[in-house]
C-alpha atoms as a PDB file:
ATOM      1  CA  UNK A   1     -11.527 -13.152  18.125  1.00  0.00           C
ATOM      2  CA  UNK A   2     -13.293 -10.143  19.048  1.00  0.00           C
ATOM      3  CA  UNK A   3      -9.980  -7.725  19.335  1.00  0.00           C
ATOM      4  CA  UNK A   4      -8.948  -9.347  16.155  1.00  0.00           C
ATOM      5  CA  UNK A   5     -12.143  -7.677  14.294  1.00  0.00           C
ATOM      6  CA  UNK A   6     -11.776  -4.690  16.358  1.00  0.00           C
ATOM      7  CA  UNK A   7      -8.031  -4.195  14.921  1.00  0.00           C
ATOM      8  CA  UNK A   8      -7.333  -1.643  12.762  1.00  0.00           C
ATOM      9  CA  UNK A   9      -4.100  -3.593  11.444  1.00  0.00           C
ATOM     10  CA  UNK A  10      -6.598  -6.616  10.637  1.00  0.00           C
ATOM     11  CA  UNK A  11      -8.717  -4.330   8.289  1.00  0.00           C
ATOM     12  CA  UNK A  12      -5.929  -2.603   6.589  1.00  0.00           C
ATOM     13  CA  UNK A  13      -4.816  -5.956   5.661  1.00  0.00           C
ATOM     14  CA  UNK A  14      -8.425  -7.181   4.427  1.00  0.00           C
ATOM     15  CA  UNK A  15      -8.847  -4.359   2.519  1.00  0.00           C
ATOM     16  CA  UNK A  16      -4.929  -4.380   0.928  1.00  0.00           C
ATOM     17  CA  UNK A  17      -5.769  -7.820   0.045  1.00  0.00           C
ATOM     18  CA  UNK A  18      -9.242  -6.977  -1.309  1.00  0.00           C
ATOM     19  CA  UNK A  19      -8.026  -4.426  -3.582  1.00  0.00           C
ATOM     20  CA  UNK A  20      -5.063  -5.887  -4.850  1.00  0.00           C
ATOM     21  CA  UNK A  21      -7.101  -8.915  -5.772  1.00  0.00           C
ATOM     22  CA  UNK A  22      -9.540  -6.943  -7.487  1.00  0.00           C
ATOM     23  CA  UNK A  23      -6.604  -5.120  -9.375  1.00  0.00           C
ATOM     24  CA  UNK A  24      -5.175  -8.179 -10.532  1.00  0.00           C
ATOM     25  CA  UNK A  25      -8.634  -9.852 -11.383  1.00  0.00           C
ATOM     26  CA  UNK A  26      -9.013  -6.510 -13.443  1.00  0.00           C
ATOM     27  CA  UNK A  27      -5.899  -6.990 -15.430  1.00  0.00           C
ATOM     28  CA  UNK A  28      -7.355 -10.155 -16.920  1.00  0.00           C
ATOM     29  CA  UNK A  29      -9.671  -7.640 -18.915  1.00  0.00           C
ATOM     30  CA  UNK A  30      -7.629  -4.613 -19.727  1.00  0.00           C
ATOM     31  CA  UNK A  31      -5.375  -4.153 -22.548  1.00  0.00           C
ATOM     32  CA  UNK A  32      -1.820  -5.642 -22.123  1.00  0.00           C
ATOM     33  CA  UNK A  33       0.014  -2.278 -22.016  1.00  0.00           C
ATOM     34  CA  UNK A  34      -2.329  -1.170 -18.924  1.00  0.00           C
ATOM     35  CA  UNK A  35      -1.709  -4.155 -17.087  1.00  0.00           C
ATOM     36  CA  UNK A  36       1.744  -3.363 -16.272  1.00  0.00           C
ATOM     37  CA  UNK A  37       0.660   0.300 -15.208  1.00  0.00           C
ATOM     38  CA  UNK A  38      -2.005  -1.692 -12.666  1.00  0.00           C
ATOM     39  CA  UNK A  39       0.566  -4.049 -11.522  1.00  0.00           C
ATOM     40  CA  UNK A  40       2.904  -1.441 -10.882  1.00  0.00           C
ATOM     41  CA  UNK A  41       0.497   0.439  -9.211  1.00  0.00           C
ATOM     42  CA  UNK A  42      -0.566  -2.007  -6.895  1.00  0.00           C
ATOM     43  CA  UNK A  43       3.182  -2.680  -6.202  1.00  0.00           C
ATOM     44  CA  UNK A  44       3.804   1.117  -5.251  1.00  0.00           C
ATOM     45  CA  UNK A  45       1.088   0.961  -2.420  1.00  0.00           C
ATOM     46  CA  UNK A  46       2.451  -2.281  -0.806  1.00  0.00           C
ATOM     47  CA  UNK A  47       5.137  -0.176   1.229  1.00  0.00           C
ATOM     48  CA  UNK A  48       2.690   2.314   2.149  1.00  0.00           C
ATOM     49  CA  UNK A  49       0.100  -0.280   3.896  1.00  0.00           C
ATOM     50  CA  UNK A  50       2.838  -2.186   5.625  1.00  0.00           C
ATOM     51  CA  UNK A  51       3.999   1.104   7.047  1.00  0.00           C
ATOM     52  CA  UNK A  52       0.521   1.720   7.736  1.00  0.00           C
ATOM     53  CA  UNK A  53       0.180  -1.515  10.022  1.00  0.00           C
ATOM     54  CA  UNK A  54       3.647  -1.130  11.282  1.00  0.00           C
ATOM     55  CA  UNK A  55       2.422   2.119  12.605  1.00  0.00           C
ATOM     56  CA  UNK A  56      -1.087   0.519  14.095  1.00  0.00           C
ATOM     57  CA  UNK A  57       1.389  -2.293  15.819  1.00  0.00           C
ATOM     58  CA  UNK A  58       3.915   0.663  17.235  1.00  0.00           C
ATOM     59  CA  UNK A  59       0.593   2.278  18.986  1.00  0.00           C
ATOM     60  CA  UNK A  60      -1.087  -0.689  20.240  1.00  0.00           C
ATOM     61  CA  UNK A  61       2.560  -1.584  21.848  1.00  0.00           C
ATOM     62  CA  UNK A  62       2.753   1.581  23.714  1.00  0.00           C
ATOM     63  CA  UNK A  63      -0.521   1.469  24.899  1.00  0.00           C
ATOM     64  CA  UNK A  64       0.047  -2.245  26.026  1.00  0.00           C
ATOM     65  CA  UNK A  65       3.271  -0.376  27.692  1.00  0.00           C
ATOM     66  CA  UNK A  66       1.331   2.208  28.940  1.00  0.00           C
ATOM     67  CA  UNK A  67      -1.635  -0.320  30.752  1.00  0.00           C
ATOM     68  CA  UNK A  68      -4.188   1.554  28.197  1.00  0.00           C
ATOM     69  CA  UNK A  69      -4.710  -2.068  26.634  1.00  0.00           C
ATOM     70  CA  UNK A  70      -4.515  -5.074  28.435  1.00  0.00           C
ATOM     71  CA  UNK A  71      -1.879  -7.812  27.572  1.00  0.00           C
ATOM     72  CA  UNK A  72      -2.673 -10.047  24.921  1.00  0.00           C
ATOM     73  CA  UNK A  73      -3.116 -13.168  26.426  1.00  0.00           C
ATOM     74  CA  UNK A  74      -0.194 -15.501  25.364  1.00  0.00           C
ATOM     75  CA  UNK A  75      -0.560 -18.971  23.845  1.00  0.00           C
END
């Protein structure tokens, strides 16, 4: 659990989920023509967030390979 709370991947995903949720809730109060713009903007950022999370995962894998990070326990 401690490694999860220190994970960049985890916090990036949490922040993305919160911002996306806030954006969708915000659409409840916007004019109909603005809703599409907000949802499009959220959708446009999703690939960027996915790439950031994948980059964190790649870096962590390389660190494990090099022995910098301990191997994660397999359960």
